[in-house]
Amino acid sequence: MRARQSELGVPEAFEWLAEAAPALRARIEAVGLRVAERPLMVLDPHLSIPLQPLPDDVTIRVLTADDPALPAAPALPRLAFATEGAAVGAAGRAELSAAAEEATVDGTVESVRSTVRAGYKTPIAALESDCAPLAVVLLVYAEGSAARIYCRLDFFPADVTLPMANQPARS
């Protein structure tokens, strides 16, 4: 996998379920990659959540592999988690567009497209009328402060650990 990532010119980065591959952490750390652990957060599927009204210019939809908004979907978390803490950052549309271009060039968008086509991921985004994403469902990478926010929204840890290696924007 490292050779393929190198061939594509994308950063070496890994995510896995610790309980499914317990020996993987030691192997990844042995090659010098930093590993961080986050809880996998889930929502009770039987929980009834009342629908909330959206602003007139906002829609929520599932993004397909060929959706024109897809390149911005992996770029948005890069911007959102670029600095530590929960404060609103200064990034705007220009930065989102640049981050989406970077994600396209570095192979991230194509990687996301292939996982969406294969059915491994289903990105859901809140979009403005011009298809600029305002939010993308991103529950797995919760640091402590974000996990507390999700818990207030009735998410809870799934007793599964998600180790991540070499992903500074998500660590």
N, C-alpha and C. Protein backbone atom coordinates (compact mmCIF):
# COMPACT_ATOMS: atom_id res chain seq x y z
N MET A 1 0.82 -1.17 0.00
CA MET A 1 0.00 0.00 0.00
C MET A 1 0.88 1.25 0.00
N ARG A 2 1.98 1.22 0.74
CA ARG A 2 2.86 2.38 0.78
C ARG A 2 3.43 2.66 -0.61
N ALA A 3 3.76 1.61 -1.36
CA ALA A 3 4.29 1.80 -2.71
C ALA A 3 3.24 2.44 -3.61
N ARG A 4 1.99 2.02 -3.49
CA ARG A 4 0.91 2.59 -4.30
C ARG A 4 0.68 4.05 -3.95
N GLN A 5 0.71 4.38 -2.66
CA GLN A 5 0.55 5.77 -2.26
C GLN A 5 1.69 6.61 -2.82
N SER A 6 2.90 6.08 -2.77
CA SER A 6 4.05 6.79 -3.31
C SER A 6 3.91 6.98 -4.82
N GLU A 7 3.48 5.92 -5.51
CA GLU A 7 3.28 5.97 -6.96
C GLU A 7 2.27 7.05 -7.34
N LEU A 8 1.21 7.20 -6.52
CA LEU A 8 0.18 8.20 -6.79
C LEU A 8 0.59 9.59 -6.33
N GLY A 9 1.69 9.68 -5.56
CA GLY A 9 2.14 10.97 -5.06
C GLY A 9 1.29 11.51 -3.93
N VAL A 10 0.60 10.62 -3.22
CA VAL A 10 -0.21 11.05 -2.09
C VAL A 10 0.53 10.74 -0.79
N PRO A 11 0.23 11.49 0.26
CA PRO A 11 0.92 11.22 1.53
C PRO A 11 0.59 9.82 2.05
N GLU A 12 1.56 9.23 2.73
CA GLU A 12 1.28 7.95 3.39
C GLU A 12 0.32 8.23 4.53
N ALA A 13 -0.83 7.58 4.49
CA ALA A 13 -1.83 7.76 5.54
C ALA A 13 -2.66 6.49 5.63
N PHE A 14 -3.00 6.12 6.86
CA PHE A 14 -3.72 4.87 7.08
C PHE A 14 -4.78 5.07 8.15
N GLU A 15 -5.89 4.36 8.01
CA GLU A 15 -6.93 4.28 9.03
C GLU A 15 -7.39 2.83 9.07
N TRP A 16 -7.68 2.35 10.26
CA TRP A 16 -8.14 0.97 10.38
C TRP A 16 -8.88 0.81 11.70
N LEU A 17 -9.59 -0.28 11.84
CA LEU A 17 -10.25 -0.60 13.10
C LEU A 17 -9.28 -1.42 13.93
N ALA A 18 -8.90 -0.89 15.09
CA ALA A 18 -7.89 -1.54 15.92
C ALA A 18 -8.28 -2.97 16.28
N GLU A 19 -9.54 -3.17 16.58
CA GLU A 19 -9.99 -4.49 17.00
C GLU A 19 -9.97 -5.50 15.86
N ALA A 20 -10.04 -5.03 14.62
CA ALA A 20 -10.02 -5.94 13.46
C ALA A 20 -8.59 -6.30 13.04
N ALA A 21 -7.63 -5.43 13.33
CA ALA A 21 -6.24 -5.67 12.93
C ALA A 21 -5.31 -5.20 14.06
N PRO A 22 -5.30 -5.90 15.19
CA PRO A 22 -4.55 -5.43 16.36
C PRO A 22 -3.04 -5.33 16.14
N ALA A 23 -2.47 -6.09 15.25
CA ALA A 23 -1.02 -6.06 15.05
C ALA A 23 -0.58 -4.94 14.12
N LEU A 24 -1.51 -4.30 13.45
CA LEU A 24 -1.14 -3.30 12.45
C LEU A 24 -0.48 -2.06 13.05
N ARG A 25 -0.91 -1.65 14.22
CA ARG A 25 -0.34 -0.45 14.84
C ARG A 25 1.17 -0.58 15.00
N ALA A 26 1.63 -1.68 15.55
CA ALA A 26 3.07 -1.86 15.77
C ALA A 26 3.83 -1.82 14.45
N ARG A 27 3.26 -2.40 13.41
CA ARG A 27 3.93 -2.41 12.11
C ARG A 27 4.01 -1.01 11.52
N ILE A 28 2.95 -0.23 11.69
CA ILE A 28 2.95 1.14 11.16
C ILE A 28 3.90 2.02 11.96
N GLU A 29 3.90 1.87 13.28
CA GLU A 29 4.83 2.65 14.10
C GLU A 29 6.28 2.25 13.82
N ALA A 30 6.51 1.00 13.46
CA ALA A 30 7.87 0.54 13.18
C ALA A 30 8.49 1.23 11.97
N VAL A 31 7.65 1.74 11.05
CA VAL A 31 8.19 2.46 9.89
C VAL A 31 8.23 3.96 10.14
N GLY A 32 7.93 4.37 11.38
CA GLY A 32 8.10 5.77 11.76
C GLY A 32 6.87 6.66 11.62
N LEU A 33 5.71 6.09 11.36
CA LEU A 33 4.51 6.91 11.24
C LEU A 33 3.86 7.08 12.62
N ARG A 34 3.41 8.30 12.90
CA ARG A 34 2.73 8.61 14.15
C ARG A 34 1.30 8.08 14.10
N VAL A 35 0.84 7.46 15.17
CA VAL A 35 -0.51 6.90 15.23
C VAL A 35 -1.29 7.62 16.32
N ALA A 36 -2.49 8.06 16.00
CA ALA A 36 -3.41 8.64 16.98
C ALA A 36 -4.66 7.77 17.00
N GLU A 37 -5.33 7.72 18.14
CA GLU A 37 -6.55 6.92 18.25
C GLU A 37 -7.75 7.82 18.50
N ARG A 38 -8.85 7.50 17.85
CA ARG A 38 -10.10 8.21 18.04
C ARG A 38 -11.22 7.19 18.19
N PRO A 39 -12.25 7.53 18.96
CA PRO A 39 -13.39 6.61 19.06
C PRO A 39 -14.23 6.68 17.79
N LEU A 40 -14.76 5.57 17.39
CA LEU A 40 -15.73 5.56 16.30
C LEU A 40 -17.07 5.92 16.92
N MET A 41 -17.67 7.00 16.46
CA MET A 41 -18.93 7.48 17.03
C MET A 41 -20.09 7.00 16.16
N VAL A 42 -21.15 6.56 16.82
CA VAL A 42 -22.33 6.08 16.10
C VAL A 42 -23.58 6.71 16.70
N LEU A 43 -24.65 6.63 15.94
CA LEU A 43 -25.94 7.13 16.38
C LEU A 43 -26.89 5.96 16.45
N ASP A 44 -27.65 5.88 17.51
CA ASP A 44 -28.62 4.81 17.68
C ASP A 44 -29.58 4.81 16.49
N PRO A 45 -29.63 3.73 15.71
CA PRO A 45 -30.50 3.72 14.52
C PRO A 45 -31.98 3.78 14.87
N HIS A 46 -32.34 3.52 16.10
CA HIS A 46 -33.75 3.55 16.50
C HIS A 46 -34.15 4.90 17.08
N LEU A 47 -33.19 5.81 17.19
CA LEU A 47 -33.46 7.13 17.75
C LEU A 47 -34.24 7.95 16.74
N SER A 48 -35.33 8.52 17.16
CA SER A 48 -36.14 9.37 16.29
C SER A 48 -35.65 10.81 16.44
N ILE A 49 -35.17 11.37 15.36
CA ILE A 49 -34.64 12.73 15.38
C ILE A 49 -35.58 13.61 14.57
N PRO A 50 -36.14 14.63 15.18
CA PRO A 50 -37.05 15.50 14.43
C PRO A 50 -36.27 16.29 13.37
N LEU A 51 -36.87 16.43 12.21
CA LEU A 51 -36.25 17.21 11.14
C LEU A 51 -36.23 18.67 11.52
N GLN A 52 -35.13 19.32 11.21
CA GLN A 52 -34.98 20.75 11.47
C GLN A 52 -35.06 21.50 10.15
N PRO A 53 -35.66 22.67 10.15
CA PRO A 53 -35.74 23.43 8.90
C PRO A 53 -34.35 23.89 8.47
N LEU A 54 -34.14 23.93 7.17
CA LEU A 54 -32.88 24.43 6.61
C LEU A 54 -33.10 25.83 6.06
N PRO A 55 -32.04 26.63 6.01
CA PRO A 55 -32.17 27.92 5.31
C PRO A 55 -32.56 27.67 3.85
N ASP A 56 -33.22 28.64 3.24
CA ASP A 56 -33.73 28.48 1.88
C ASP A 56 -32.66 28.11 0.86
N ASP A 57 -31.44 28.59 1.04
CA ASP A 57 -30.40 28.33 0.04
C ASP A 57 -29.51 27.14 0.38
N VAL A 58 -29.94 26.28 1.31
CA VAL A 58 -29.14 25.13 1.73
C VAL A 58 -29.91 23.84 1.47
N THR A 59 -29.21 22.84 0.92
CA THR A 59 -29.79 21.51 0.73
C THR A 59 -28.84 20.49 1.35
N ILE A 60 -29.37 19.36 1.69
CA ILE A 60 -28.55 18.24 2.17
C ILE A 60 -28.77 17.10 1.20
N ARG A 61 -27.66 16.53 0.72
CA ARG A 61 -27.80 15.41 -0.21
C ARG A 61 -26.60 14.48 -0.12
N VAL A 62 -26.84 13.27 -0.58
CA VAL A 62 -25.77 12.28 -0.71
C VAL A 62 -24.98 12.65 -1.95
N LEU A 63 -23.66 12.65 -1.83
CA LEU A 63 -22.80 12.93 -2.97
C LEU A 63 -22.45 11.63 -3.68
N THR A 64 -22.62 11.61 -4.98
CA THR A 64 -22.23 10.45 -5.78
C THR A 64 -20.77 10.61 -6.20
N ALA A 65 -20.21 9.56 -6.76
CA ALA A 65 -18.81 9.59 -7.19
C ALA A 65 -18.56 10.65 -8.26
N ASP A 66 -19.58 10.97 -9.06
CA ASP A 66 -19.40 11.94 -10.14
C ASP A 66 -20.00 13.30 -9.82
N ASP A 67 -20.39 13.51 -8.58
CA ASP A 67 -21.00 14.77 -8.17
C ASP A 67 -19.97 15.89 -8.29
N PRO A 68 -20.33 17.03 -8.92
CA PRO A 68 -19.38 18.13 -9.03
C PRO A 68 -18.94 18.70 -7.68
N ALA A 69 -19.71 18.47 -6.63
CA ALA A 69 -19.34 18.97 -5.30
C ALA A 69 -18.36 18.03 -4.59
N LEU A 70 -18.14 16.84 -5.13
CA LEU A 70 -17.31 15.85 -4.43
C LEU A 70 -15.89 16.33 -4.15
N PRO A 71 -15.19 17.00 -5.07
CA PRO A 71 -13.82 17.42 -4.74
C PRO A 71 -13.72 18.29 -3.49
N ALA A 72 -14.74 19.07 -3.21
CA ALA A 72 -14.69 19.94 -2.03
C ALA A 72 -14.97 19.15 -0.75
N ALA A 73 -15.59 17.98 -0.87
CA ALA A 73 -15.94 17.20 0.33
C ALA A 73 -14.72 16.78 1.14
N PRO A 74 -13.68 16.19 0.54
CA PRO A 74 -12.50 15.86 1.36
C PRO A 74 -11.67 17.10 1.70
N ALA A 75 -11.85 18.19 0.94
CA ALA A 75 -11.11 19.42 1.22
C ALA A 75 -11.66 20.14 2.44
N LEU A 76 -12.96 20.07 2.65
CA LEU A 76 -13.58 20.79 3.76
C LEU A 76 -13.03 20.35 5.12
N PRO A 77 -12.91 19.04 5.40
CA PRO A 77 -12.31 18.64 6.68
C PRO A 77 -10.85 19.09 6.82
N ARG A 78 -10.12 19.13 5.71
CA ARG A 78 -8.73 19.61 5.78
C ARG A 78 -8.71 21.03 6.33
N LEU A 79 -9.62 21.85 5.86
CA LEU A 79 -9.68 23.23 6.35
C LEU A 79 -10.23 23.28 7.77
N ALA A 80 -11.28 22.50 8.01
CA ALA A 80 -11.93 22.53 9.33
C ALA A 80 -11.00 22.08 10.44
N PHE A 81 -10.13 21.12 10.16
CA PHE A 81 -9.25 20.58 11.19
C PHE A 81 -7.80 21.02 11.01
N ALA A 82 -7.59 22.07 10.21
CA ALA A 82 -6.23 22.54 9.96
C ALA A 82 -5.59 23.14 11.20
N THR A 83 -6.41 23.72 12.07
CA THR A 83 -5.90 24.26 13.32
C THR A 83 -6.62 23.57 14.47
N GLU A 84 -5.94 23.49 15.59
CA GLU A 84 -6.50 22.80 16.74
C GLU A 84 -7.57 23.65 17.41
N GLY A 85 -8.51 22.97 18.04
CA GLY A 85 -9.56 23.66 18.78
C GLY A 85 -10.86 23.70 18.02
N ALA A 86 -11.84 24.37 18.61
CA ALA A 86 -13.18 24.40 18.02
C ALA A 86 -13.58 25.78 17.53
N ALA A 87 -12.66 26.72 17.48
CA ALA A 87 -12.98 28.07 17.02
C ALA A 87 -13.21 28.07 15.51
N VAL A 88 -14.05 28.99 15.06
CA VAL A 88 -14.31 29.14 13.63
C VAL A 88 -13.06 29.74 12.99
N GLY A 89 -12.60 29.11 11.92
CA GLY A 89 -11.40 29.58 11.25
C GLY A 89 -11.69 30.68 10.24
N ALA A 90 -10.65 31.19 9.63
CA ALA A 90 -10.76 32.30 8.69
C ALA A 90 -10.91 31.83 7.24
N ALA A 91 -10.84 30.53 6.98
CA ALA A 91 -10.90 30.03 5.61
C ALA A 91 -12.26 30.33 4.99
N GLY A 92 -12.23 30.68 3.73
CA GLY A 92 -13.45 30.98 2.98
C GLY A 92 -13.50 30.20 1.68
N ARG A 93 -14.27 30.70 0.73
CA ARG A 93 -14.44 29.99 -0.54
C ARG A 93 -13.14 29.84 -1.33
N ALA A 94 -12.31 30.86 -1.31
CA ALA A 94 -11.05 30.77 -2.06
C ALA A 94 -10.17 29.65 -1.50
N GLU A 95 -10.10 29.57 -0.18
CA GLU A 95 -9.31 28.51 0.45
C GLU A 95 -9.93 27.14 0.20
N LEU A 96 -11.26 27.05 0.21
CA LEU A 96 -11.93 25.78 -0.09
C LEU A 96 -11.65 25.35 -1.52
N SER A 97 -11.71 26.28 -2.44
CA SER A 97 -11.42 25.97 -3.85
C SER A 97 -9.97 25.50 -4.01
N ALA A 98 -9.04 26.17 -3.34
CA ALA A 98 -7.63 25.77 -3.42
C ALA A 98 -7.42 24.40 -2.79
N ALA A 99 -8.07 24.15 -1.66
CA ALA A 99 -7.94 22.84 -1.00
C ALA A 99 -8.57 21.74 -1.84
N ALA A 100 -9.67 22.03 -2.53
CA ALA A 100 -10.30 21.04 -3.42
C ALA A 100 -9.39 20.72 -4.59
N GLU A 101 -8.72 21.74 -5.13
CA GLU A 101 -7.77 21.52 -6.23
C GLU A 101 -6.60 20.68 -5.74
N GLU A 102 -6.10 20.98 -4.55
CA GLU A 102 -5.00 20.20 -3.97
C GLU A 102 -5.42 18.74 -3.77
N ALA A 103 -6.64 18.53 -3.28
CA ALA A 103 -7.14 17.17 -3.07
C ALA A 103 -7.31 16.42 -4.39
N THR A 104 -7.60 17.15 -5.45
CA THR A 104 -7.71 16.53 -6.77
C THR A 104 -6.33 16.14 -7.28
N VAL A 105 -5.39 17.07 -7.18
CA VAL A 105 -4.02 16.85 -7.67
C VAL A 105 -3.32 15.73 -6.89
N ASP A 106 -3.51 15.68 -5.57
CA ASP A 106 -2.77 14.69 -4.78
C ASP A 106 -3.42 13.30 -4.78
N GLY A 107 -4.53 13.13 -5.50
CA GLY A 107 -5.15 11.82 -5.63
C GLY A 107 -6.23 11.52 -4.60
N THR A 108 -6.44 12.43 -3.65
CA THR A 108 -7.45 12.19 -2.63
C THR A 108 -8.84 12.06 -3.23
N VAL A 109 -9.19 12.94 -4.15
CA VAL A 109 -10.53 12.93 -4.74
C VAL A 109 -10.76 11.62 -5.49
N GLU A 110 -9.80 11.17 -6.26
CA GLU A 110 -9.97 9.91 -6.99
C GLU A 110 -10.11 8.74 -6.02
N SER A 111 -9.36 8.78 -4.93
CA SER A 111 -9.48 7.73 -3.92
C SER A 111 -10.89 7.72 -3.32
N VAL A 112 -11.41 8.91 -3.01
CA VAL A 112 -12.77 9.01 -2.48
C VAL A 112 -13.78 8.51 -3.51
N ARG A 113 -13.59 8.93 -4.78
CA ARG A 113 -14.50 8.48 -5.85
C ARG A 113 -14.56 6.95 -5.91
N SER A 114 -13.41 6.31 -5.84
CA SER A 114 -13.39 4.84 -5.96
C SER A 114 -14.07 4.18 -4.76
N THR A 115 -13.90 4.74 -3.56
CA THR A 115 -14.56 4.14 -2.40
C THR A 115 -16.06 4.39 -2.42
N VAL A 116 -16.48 5.53 -2.99
CA VAL A 116 -17.92 5.81 -3.13
C VAL A 116 -18.52 4.85 -4.16
N ARG A 117 -17.84 4.69 -5.30
CA ARG A 117 -18.33 3.76 -6.34
C ARG A 117 -18.45 2.33 -5.81
N ALA A 118 -17.49 1.95 -4.97
CA ALA A 118 -17.49 0.58 -4.43
C ALA A 118 -18.49 0.41 -3.28
N GLY A 119 -19.07 1.52 -2.82
CA GLY A 119 -20.05 1.44 -1.75
C GLY A 119 -19.45 1.44 -0.36
N TYR A 120 -18.16 1.76 -0.23
CA TYR A 120 -17.52 1.77 1.08
C TYR A 120 -17.77 3.07 1.85
N LYS A 121 -18.05 4.15 1.13
CA LYS A 121 -18.32 5.44 1.76
C LYS A 121 -19.56 6.04 1.11
N THR A 122 -20.30 6.78 1.90
CA THR A 122 -21.44 7.53 1.40
C THR A 122 -21.34 8.94 1.98
N PRO A 123 -20.71 9.84 1.25
CA PRO A 123 -20.59 11.20 1.79
C PRO A 123 -21.93 11.94 1.70
N ILE A 124 -22.26 12.62 2.76
CA ILE A 124 -23.48 13.43 2.82
C ILE A 124 -23.02 14.85 3.13
N ALA A 125 -23.52 15.81 2.36
CA ALA A 125 -23.07 17.18 2.53
C ALA A 125 -24.23 18.15 2.61
N ALA A 126 -24.04 19.20 3.39
CA ALA A 126 -24.93 20.36 3.38
C ALA A 126 -24.33 21.32 2.37
N LEU A 127 -25.11 21.70 1.37
CA LEU A 127 -24.59 22.51 0.26
C LEU A 127 -25.36 23.81 0.12
N GLU A 128 -24.63 24.86 -0.24
CA GLU A 128 -25.28 26.11 -0.60
C GLU A 128 -25.85 25.97 -2.01
N SER A 129 -26.63 26.93 -2.45
CA SER A 129 -27.29 26.84 -3.75
C SER A 129 -26.30 26.69 -4.91
N ASP A 130 -25.06 27.16 -4.76
CA ASP A 130 -24.06 27.02 -5.81
C ASP A 130 -23.24 25.74 -5.65
N CYS A 131 -23.70 24.82 -4.80
CA CYS A 131 -23.07 23.51 -4.55
C CYS A 131 -21.78 23.59 -3.73
N ALA A 132 -21.49 24.72 -3.13
CA ALA A 132 -20.34 24.80 -2.21
C ALA A 132 -20.73 24.12 -0.91
N PRO A 133 -19.94 23.13 -0.47
CA PRO A 133 -20.30 22.45 0.77
C PRO A 133 -20.11 23.33 2.00
N LEU A 134 -21.08 23.26 2.87
CA LEU A 134 -20.99 23.95 4.16
C LEU A 134 -20.56 22.98 5.24
N ALA A 135 -20.91 21.72 5.07
CA ALA A 135 -20.57 20.69 6.05
C ALA A 135 -20.60 19.35 5.35
N VAL A 136 -19.76 18.45 5.83
CA VAL A 136 -19.73 17.08 5.34
C VAL A 136 -19.81 16.18 6.57
N VAL A 137 -20.60 15.12 6.49
CA VAL A 137 -20.69 14.21 7.63
C VAL A 137 -19.31 13.64 7.89
N LEU A 138 -18.83 13.83 9.09
CA LEU A 138 -17.47 13.44 9.45
C LEU A 138 -17.48 13.11 10.93
N LEU A 139 -17.85 11.89 11.27
CA LEU A 139 -18.04 11.54 12.66
C LEU A 139 -16.92 10.70 13.24
N VAL A 140 -16.11 10.14 12.40
CA VAL A 140 -15.12 9.18 12.83
C VAL A 140 -13.89 9.83 13.45
N TYR A 141 -13.54 11.03 13.02
CA TYR A 141 -12.26 11.62 13.37
C TYR A 141 -12.33 12.52 14.59
N ALA A 142 -13.30 12.29 15.45
CA ALA A 142 -13.56 13.20 16.56
C ALA A 142 -12.44 13.22 17.59
N GLU A 143 -11.84 14.39 17.80
CA GLU A 143 -10.94 14.56 18.93
C GLU A 143 -11.82 14.77 20.15
N GLY A 144 -11.24 14.87 21.32
CA GLY A 144 -12.02 14.95 22.55
C GLY A 144 -13.12 15.99 22.54
N SER A 145 -12.81 17.23 22.13
CA SER A 145 -13.83 18.29 22.17
C SER A 145 -14.93 18.01 21.16
N ALA A 146 -14.59 17.51 19.99
CA ALA A 146 -15.61 17.19 18.99
C ALA A 146 -16.45 16.00 19.44
N ALA A 147 -15.82 15.03 20.08
CA ALA A 147 -16.57 13.86 20.57
C ALA A 147 -17.62 14.29 21.59
N ARG A 148 -17.27 15.26 22.44
CA ARG A 148 -18.26 15.75 23.42
C ARG A 148 -19.44 16.41 22.72
N ILE A 149 -19.19 17.13 21.63
CA ILE A 149 -20.28 17.74 20.86
C ILE A 149 -21.18 16.66 20.28
N TYR A 150 -20.57 15.64 19.67
CA TYR A 150 -21.37 14.55 19.10
C TYR A 150 -22.19 13.85 20.18
N CYS A 151 -21.61 13.68 21.37
CA CYS A 151 -22.36 13.04 22.46
C CYS A 151 -23.58 13.86 22.84
N ARG A 152 -23.46 15.19 22.81
CA ARG A 152 -24.63 16.03 23.09
C ARG A 152 -25.71 15.87 22.03
N LEU A 153 -25.33 15.37 20.85
CA LEU A 153 -26.28 15.13 19.76
C LEU A 153 -26.74 13.67 19.74
N ASP A 154 -26.51 12.96 20.83
CA ASP A 154 -26.92 11.56 21.02
C ASP A 154 -26.06 10.54 20.28
N PHE A 155 -24.87 10.92 19.82
CA PHE A 155 -23.91 9.94 19.32
C PHE A 155 -23.21 9.35 20.52
N PHE A 156 -22.69 8.15 20.38
CA PHE A 156 -21.95 7.54 21.47
C PHE A 156 -20.82 6.70 20.90
N PRO A 157 -19.74 6.49 21.68
CA PRO A 157 -18.64 5.66 21.20
C PRO A 157 -19.13 4.23 20.96
N ALA A 158 -18.67 3.62 19.88
CA ALA A 158 -19.13 2.29 19.49
C ALA A 158 -18.27 1.17 20.06
N ASP A 159 -17.45 1.47 21.04
CA ASP A 159 -16.52 0.48 21.61
C ASP A 159 -15.60 -0.07 20.54
N VAL A 160 -15.29 0.76 19.56
CA VAL A 160 -14.36 0.42 18.50
C VAL A 160 -13.39 1.60 18.39
N THR A 161 -12.12 1.31 18.25
CA THR A 161 -11.10 2.35 18.16
C THR A 161 -10.66 2.50 16.72
N LEU A 162 -10.51 3.74 16.28
CA LEU A 162 -10.06 4.02 14.94
C LEU A 162 -8.67 4.64 15.02
N PRO A 163 -7.60 3.83 14.88
CA PRO A 163 -6.26 4.42 14.82
C PRO A 163 -6.06 5.07 13.45
N MET A 164 -5.33 6.16 13.45
CA MET A 164 -5.01 6.88 12.22
C MET A 164 -3.51 7.15 12.23
N ALA A 165 -2.87 6.90 11.12
CA ALA A 165 -1.43 7.14 11.04
C ALA A 165 -1.14 8.21 10.00
N ASN A 166 -0.34 9.18 10.41
CA ASN A 166 0.17 10.20 9.51
C ASN A 166 -0.93 11.04 8.88
N GLN A 167 -1.91 11.43 9.69
CA GLN A 167 -2.99 12.27 9.19
C GLN A 167 -3.12 13.50 10.08
N PRO A 168 -2.21 14.47 9.93
CA PRO A 168 -2.18 15.60 10.84
C PRO A 168 -3.47 16.42 10.84
N ALA A 169 -4.15 16.53 9.72
CA ALA A 169 -5.39 17.32 9.69
C ALA A 169 -6.50 16.66 10.48
N ARG A 170 -6.38 15.37 10.76
CA ARG A 170 -7.43 14.66 11.47
C ARG A 170 -6.97 14.20 12.86
N SER A 171 -5.74 14.42 13.20
CA SER A 171 -5.19 13.90 14.44
C SER A 171 -5.35 14.89 15.59
